[in-house]
Amino acid sequence: MLKRIQAGLALLAVVGMAAPDPARAAGDSAAGRAKARQCSACHGLNGLARMPNVPNIAGESPIYLEKQLKAFRSGERTDPQMSVIAKPLSDQDIADLAAWYSGIRFSVTVPE
C-alpha cells in the first residue's frame, strides 16, 4: 500500500512540475534569485528559513508571495524587518522574487 501511495505522489509531483503556472510567468526567476540575496539571511537563498520565527517560502504560491510582499510594502501588513525590506521593492522586483521562491522544489523522503 505504501508503495502505491509513493508512486501516486511521485506522479503528482511530475505532473505538477510539467503544468505551466501562468502566475509565475510575470516574474523572472533568474533576476529573482539575484535579488533574493537580501532575503537569504532570514529565508535562505533556497527559501528554507534559518530562524525559527521566519517562514519557509520555498515552493509557495507566487500569488501569495506577491500579495504578502505588497502588503508589507504598503504598510497593510507590518513586521520590523519585512516592512523595511519591502518598502523600496518595485512591482517587478516583487514578481521576480515570487518567481524565484515559488519555483524552488524540494522533496520530502518518506521512510518505508
N, C-alpha and C. Protein backbone atom coordinates (compact mmCIF):
# COMPACT_ATOMS: atom_id res chain seq x y z
N MET A 1 0.82 -1.20 0.00
CA MET A 1 0.00 0.00 0.00
C MET A 1 0.86 1.27 0.00
N LEU A 2 1.92 1.25 0.84
CA LEU A 2 2.81 2.41 0.91
C LEU A 2 3.48 2.67 -0.43
N LYS A 3 3.85 1.61 -1.14
CA LYS A 3 4.48 1.77 -2.46
C LYS A 3 3.51 2.45 -3.43
N ARG A 4 2.22 2.10 -3.37
CA ARG A 4 1.22 2.70 -4.27
C ARG A 4 1.04 4.18 -3.95
N ILE A 5 1.06 4.52 -2.66
CA ILE A 5 0.95 5.92 -2.26
C ILE A 5 2.15 6.71 -2.75
N GLN A 6 3.34 6.13 -2.57
CA GLN A 6 4.55 6.81 -3.02
C GLN A 6 4.56 6.98 -4.53
N ALA A 7 4.09 5.97 -5.26
CA ALA A 7 4.03 6.07 -6.72
C ALA A 7 3.05 7.16 -7.13
N GLY A 8 1.93 7.24 -6.44
CA GLY A 8 0.93 8.28 -6.73
C GLY A 8 1.48 9.66 -6.46
N LEU A 9 2.20 9.82 -5.35
CA LEU A 9 2.80 11.11 -5.02
C LEU A 9 3.86 11.50 -6.04
N ALA A 10 4.65 10.52 -6.48
CA ALA A 10 5.67 10.79 -7.49
C ALA A 10 5.02 11.25 -8.79
N LEU A 11 3.93 10.62 -9.18
CA LEU A 11 3.22 11.01 -10.40
C LEU A 11 2.67 12.42 -10.26
N LEU A 12 2.09 12.73 -9.12
CA LEU A 12 1.58 14.09 -8.90
C LEU A 12 2.70 15.12 -8.97
N ALA A 13 3.86 14.78 -8.43
CA ALA A 13 4.99 15.70 -8.48
C ALA A 13 5.43 15.96 -9.91
N VAL A 14 5.48 14.92 -10.73
CA VAL A 14 5.89 15.06 -12.13
C VAL A 14 4.87 15.89 -12.89
N VAL A 15 3.60 15.60 -12.70
CA VAL A 15 2.54 16.35 -13.37
C VAL A 15 2.57 17.81 -12.93
N GLY A 16 2.77 18.05 -11.63
CA GLY A 16 2.82 19.41 -11.12
C GLY A 16 3.97 20.21 -11.68
N MET A 17 5.13 19.57 -11.89
CA MET A 17 6.27 20.28 -12.44
C MET A 17 6.08 20.58 -13.91
N ALA A 18 5.32 19.76 -14.61
CA ALA A 18 5.13 19.95 -16.04
C ALA A 18 4.03 20.97 -16.34
N ALA A 19 3.12 21.16 -15.41
CA ALA A 19 2.00 22.06 -15.66
C ALA A 19 2.47 23.51 -15.62
N PRO A 20 2.10 24.30 -16.61
CA PRO A 20 2.51 25.70 -16.60
C PRO A 20 1.75 26.46 -15.53
N ASP A 21 2.41 27.40 -14.92
CA ASP A 21 1.80 28.24 -13.90
C ASP A 21 1.77 29.66 -14.44
N PRO A 22 0.61 30.13 -14.91
CA PRO A 22 0.55 31.46 -15.52
C PRO A 22 0.95 32.57 -14.58
N ALA A 23 0.75 32.38 -13.29
CA ALA A 23 1.12 33.43 -12.34
C ALA A 23 2.63 33.60 -12.26
N ARG A 24 3.39 32.53 -12.48
CA ARG A 24 4.84 32.61 -12.42
C ARG A 24 5.42 33.34 -13.62
N ALA A 25 4.70 33.40 -14.71
CA ALA A 25 5.22 34.00 -15.94
C ALA A 25 5.53 35.48 -15.79
N ALA A 26 4.91 36.15 -14.83
CA ALA A 26 5.09 37.59 -14.67
C ALA A 26 6.49 37.97 -14.21
N GLY A 27 7.14 37.08 -13.44
CA GLY A 27 8.45 37.40 -12.90
C GLY A 27 9.56 36.63 -13.59
N ASP A 28 10.76 37.12 -13.42
CA ASP A 28 11.96 36.49 -13.97
C ASP A 28 12.68 35.78 -12.83
N SER A 29 12.66 34.47 -12.85
CA SER A 29 13.24 33.67 -11.78
C SER A 29 14.73 33.95 -11.58
N ALA A 30 15.47 34.08 -12.67
CA ALA A 30 16.91 34.34 -12.55
C ALA A 30 17.17 35.70 -11.89
N ALA A 31 16.40 36.69 -12.27
CA ALA A 31 16.52 38.01 -11.64
C ALA A 31 16.11 37.93 -10.17
N GLY A 32 15.08 37.13 -9.90
CA GLY A 32 14.63 36.94 -8.52
C GLY A 32 15.69 36.30 -7.65
N ARG A 33 16.42 35.35 -8.23
CA ARG A 33 17.49 34.68 -7.48
C ARG A 33 18.55 35.70 -7.07
N ALA A 34 18.91 36.58 -7.99
CA ALA A 34 19.90 37.61 -7.67
C ALA A 34 19.38 38.55 -6.59
N LYS A 35 18.12 38.92 -6.69
CA LYS A 35 17.51 39.84 -5.71
C LYS A 35 17.30 39.17 -4.36
N ALA A 36 17.20 37.84 -4.35
CA ALA A 36 16.93 37.10 -3.11
C ALA A 36 18.12 37.09 -2.16
N ARG A 37 19.25 37.58 -2.59
CA ARG A 37 20.42 37.60 -1.70
C ARG A 37 20.11 38.39 -0.43
N GLN A 38 19.34 39.47 -0.56
CA GLN A 38 18.99 40.25 0.63
C GLN A 38 18.02 39.50 1.52
N CYS A 39 17.31 38.53 0.97
CA CYS A 39 16.33 37.74 1.73
C CYS A 39 16.98 36.54 2.41
N SER A 40 18.14 36.15 1.90
CA SER A 40 18.75 34.89 2.31
C SER A 40 19.19 34.86 3.78
N ALA A 41 19.45 36.00 4.37
CA ALA A 41 19.87 36.00 5.78
C ALA A 41 18.79 35.39 6.67
N CYS A 42 17.54 35.61 6.33
CA CYS A 42 16.44 35.07 7.14
C CYS A 42 15.76 33.86 6.47
N HIS A 43 15.43 34.00 5.19
CA HIS A 43 14.68 32.96 4.48
C HIS A 43 15.58 31.95 3.77
N GLY A 44 16.86 32.22 3.70
CA GLY A 44 17.77 31.35 2.97
C GLY A 44 17.59 31.54 1.48
N LEU A 45 18.64 31.38 0.72
CA LEU A 45 18.53 31.52 -0.74
C LEU A 45 17.63 30.44 -1.31
N ASN A 46 17.54 29.32 -0.60
CA ASN A 46 16.69 28.21 -1.05
C ASN A 46 15.28 28.28 -0.49
N GLY A 47 14.96 29.36 0.23
CA GLY A 47 13.60 29.54 0.76
C GLY A 47 13.30 28.79 2.04
N LEU A 48 14.31 28.13 2.59
CA LEU A 48 14.12 27.42 3.86
C LEU A 48 14.71 28.28 4.97
N ALA A 49 13.86 28.72 5.87
CA ALA A 49 14.21 29.68 6.90
C ALA A 49 15.38 29.23 7.75
N ARG A 50 16.15 30.20 8.17
CA ARG A 50 17.31 29.93 9.02
C ARG A 50 17.00 30.19 10.50
N MET A 51 15.84 30.79 10.76
CA MET A 51 15.45 31.11 12.13
C MET A 51 14.06 30.55 12.40
N PRO A 52 13.79 30.16 13.64
CA PRO A 52 12.51 29.51 13.95
C PRO A 52 11.28 30.42 13.79
N ASN A 53 11.43 31.71 13.86
CA ASN A 53 10.28 32.62 13.74
C ASN A 53 10.09 33.18 12.33
N VAL A 54 10.79 32.60 11.37
CA VAL A 54 10.72 33.05 9.98
C VAL A 54 10.11 31.92 9.14
N PRO A 55 9.15 32.24 8.28
CA PRO A 55 8.51 31.18 7.49
C PRO A 55 9.38 30.66 6.34
N ASN A 56 9.20 29.39 6.03
CA ASN A 56 9.78 28.81 4.82
C ASN A 56 8.93 29.29 3.66
N ILE A 57 9.55 29.76 2.60
CA ILE A 57 8.78 30.27 1.47
C ILE A 57 9.08 29.53 0.16
N ALA A 58 9.94 28.54 0.21
CA ALA A 58 10.25 27.75 -0.99
C ALA A 58 8.99 27.03 -1.47
N GLY A 59 8.71 27.16 -2.76
CA GLY A 59 7.58 26.46 -3.35
C GLY A 59 6.23 27.07 -3.03
N GLU A 60 6.23 28.19 -2.35
CA GLU A 60 4.97 28.86 -2.00
C GLU A 60 4.35 29.45 -3.27
N SER A 61 3.07 29.63 -3.27
CA SER A 61 2.36 30.18 -4.42
C SER A 61 2.90 31.58 -4.77
N PRO A 62 3.16 31.84 -6.05
CA PRO A 62 3.64 33.18 -6.42
C PRO A 62 2.60 34.26 -6.12
N ILE A 63 1.34 33.91 -6.22
CA ILE A 63 0.27 34.87 -5.92
C ILE A 63 0.34 35.26 -4.45
N TYR A 64 0.50 34.27 -3.59
CA TYR A 64 0.61 34.52 -2.16
C TYR A 64 1.84 35.37 -1.85
N LEU A 65 3.00 34.99 -2.42
CA LEU A 65 4.23 35.73 -2.14
C LEU A 65 4.11 37.19 -2.57
N GLU A 66 3.56 37.41 -3.76
CA GLU A 66 3.39 38.79 -4.23
C GLU A 66 2.45 39.57 -3.33
N LYS A 67 1.35 38.95 -2.95
CA LYS A 67 0.37 39.63 -2.09
C LYS A 67 1.00 40.03 -0.76
N GLN A 68 1.76 39.13 -0.16
CA GLN A 68 2.38 39.44 1.14
C GLN A 68 3.44 40.52 1.01
N LEU A 69 4.28 40.45 -0.01
CA LEU A 69 5.30 41.49 -0.19
C LEU A 69 4.67 42.85 -0.44
N LYS A 70 3.60 42.88 -1.23
CA LYS A 70 2.92 44.15 -1.49
C LYS A 70 2.24 44.68 -0.23
N ALA A 71 1.74 43.78 0.60
CA ALA A 71 1.12 44.19 1.87
C ALA A 71 2.18 44.79 2.81
N PHE A 72 3.36 44.19 2.86
CA PHE A 72 4.44 44.76 3.68
C PHE A 72 4.88 46.11 3.11
N ARG A 73 4.97 46.20 1.79
CA ARG A 73 5.40 47.44 1.14
C ARG A 73 4.43 48.58 1.43
N SER A 74 3.14 48.29 1.38
CA SER A 74 2.13 49.33 1.57
C SER A 74 1.88 49.68 3.03
N GLY A 75 2.31 48.81 3.94
CA GLY A 75 2.05 49.03 5.36
C GLY A 75 0.78 48.34 5.83
N GLU A 76 0.06 47.68 4.91
CA GLU A 76 -1.14 46.93 5.28
C GLU A 76 -0.77 45.81 6.26
N ARG A 77 0.41 45.25 6.09
CA ARG A 77 0.95 44.24 6.98
C ARG A 77 2.29 44.77 7.48
N THR A 78 2.58 44.57 8.77
CA THR A 78 3.83 45.11 9.30
C THR A 78 4.66 44.06 10.02
N ASP A 79 5.94 44.24 9.94
CA ASP A 79 6.94 43.44 10.63
C ASP A 79 8.20 44.30 10.65
N PRO A 80 8.92 44.33 11.76
CA PRO A 80 10.09 45.21 11.84
C PRO A 80 11.09 45.06 10.70
N GLN A 81 11.37 43.82 10.28
CA GLN A 81 12.33 43.61 9.19
C GLN A 81 11.67 43.69 7.82
N MET A 82 10.57 42.98 7.64
CA MET A 82 9.94 42.89 6.32
C MET A 82 9.42 44.24 5.82
N SER A 83 8.90 45.05 6.71
CA SER A 83 8.38 46.35 6.28
C SER A 83 9.48 47.21 5.68
N VAL A 84 10.64 47.19 6.30
CA VAL A 84 11.79 47.97 5.82
C VAL A 84 12.30 47.41 4.50
N ILE A 85 12.40 46.09 4.42
CA ILE A 85 12.95 45.45 3.22
C ILE A 85 12.00 45.59 2.02
N ALA A 86 10.70 45.49 2.26
CA ALA A 86 9.73 45.52 1.16
C ALA A 86 9.46 46.93 0.64
N LYS A 87 9.66 47.93 1.45
CA LYS A 87 9.32 49.32 1.09
C LYS A 87 9.91 49.75 -0.26
N PRO A 88 11.19 49.53 -0.54
CA PRO A 88 11.75 50.01 -1.82
C PRO A 88 11.53 49.07 -3.01
N LEU A 89 10.90 47.91 -2.81
CA LEU A 89 10.73 46.96 -3.91
C LEU A 89 9.73 47.46 -4.95
N SER A 90 10.09 47.33 -6.21
CA SER A 90 9.15 47.66 -7.30
C SER A 90 8.24 46.47 -7.53
N ASP A 91 7.19 46.67 -8.32
CA ASP A 91 6.32 45.54 -8.68
C ASP A 91 7.11 44.46 -9.40
N GLN A 92 8.08 44.86 -10.24
CA GLN A 92 8.90 43.88 -10.95
C GLN A 92 9.80 43.11 -9.99
N ASP A 93 10.39 43.82 -9.02
CA ASP A 93 11.21 43.14 -8.01
C ASP A 93 10.38 42.06 -7.30
N ILE A 94 9.18 42.43 -6.92
CA ILE A 94 8.29 41.50 -6.20
C ILE A 94 7.93 40.31 -7.09
N ALA A 95 7.61 40.57 -8.34
CA ALA A 95 7.29 39.48 -9.27
C ALA A 95 8.48 38.55 -9.47
N ASP A 96 9.68 39.13 -9.56
CA ASP A 96 10.89 38.33 -9.74
C ASP A 96 11.17 37.46 -8.51
N LEU A 97 11.05 38.05 -7.33
CA LEU A 97 11.26 37.29 -6.10
C LEU A 97 10.23 36.17 -5.97
N ALA A 98 8.98 36.47 -6.30
CA ALA A 98 7.92 35.46 -6.24
C ALA A 98 8.20 34.33 -7.23
N ALA A 99 8.69 34.68 -8.41
CA ALA A 99 9.03 33.65 -9.41
C ALA A 99 10.16 32.76 -8.90
N TRP A 100 11.17 33.35 -8.29
CA TRP A 100 12.29 32.57 -7.78
C TRP A 100 11.85 31.63 -6.66
N TYR A 101 11.26 32.19 -5.61
CA TYR A 101 10.92 31.35 -4.46
C TYR A 101 9.81 30.35 -4.76
N SER A 102 8.86 30.70 -5.61
CA SER A 102 7.79 29.75 -5.93
C SER A 102 8.30 28.61 -6.79
N GLY A 103 9.36 28.85 -7.53
CA GLY A 103 9.90 27.82 -8.41
C GLY A 103 10.82 26.82 -7.73
N ILE A 104 11.15 27.06 -6.47
CA ILE A 104 12.04 26.14 -5.76
C ILE A 104 11.25 24.90 -5.37
N ARG A 105 11.76 23.76 -5.74
CA ARG A 105 11.11 22.49 -5.42
C ARG A 105 12.04 21.68 -4.53
N PHE A 106 11.49 21.10 -3.53
CA PHE A 106 12.26 20.21 -2.68
C PHE A 106 11.41 18.98 -2.41
N SER A 107 12.05 17.92 -2.02
CA SER A 107 11.30 16.69 -1.79
C SER A 107 11.47 16.24 -0.34
N VAL A 108 10.47 15.57 0.10
CA VAL A 108 10.48 15.00 1.45
C VAL A 108 10.53 13.49 1.29
N THR A 109 11.47 12.86 1.95
CA THR A 109 11.55 11.40 1.86
C THR A 109 10.70 10.78 2.96
N VAL A 110 9.91 9.83 2.55
CA VAL A 110 9.06 9.12 3.50
C VAL A 110 9.70 7.76 3.77
N PRO A 111 10.03 7.51 5.05
CA PRO A 111 10.64 6.21 5.34
C PRO A 111 9.65 5.08 5.13
N GLU A 112 10.18 3.94 4.71
CA GLU A 112 9.30 2.78 4.46
C GLU A 112 9.04 2.03 5.74
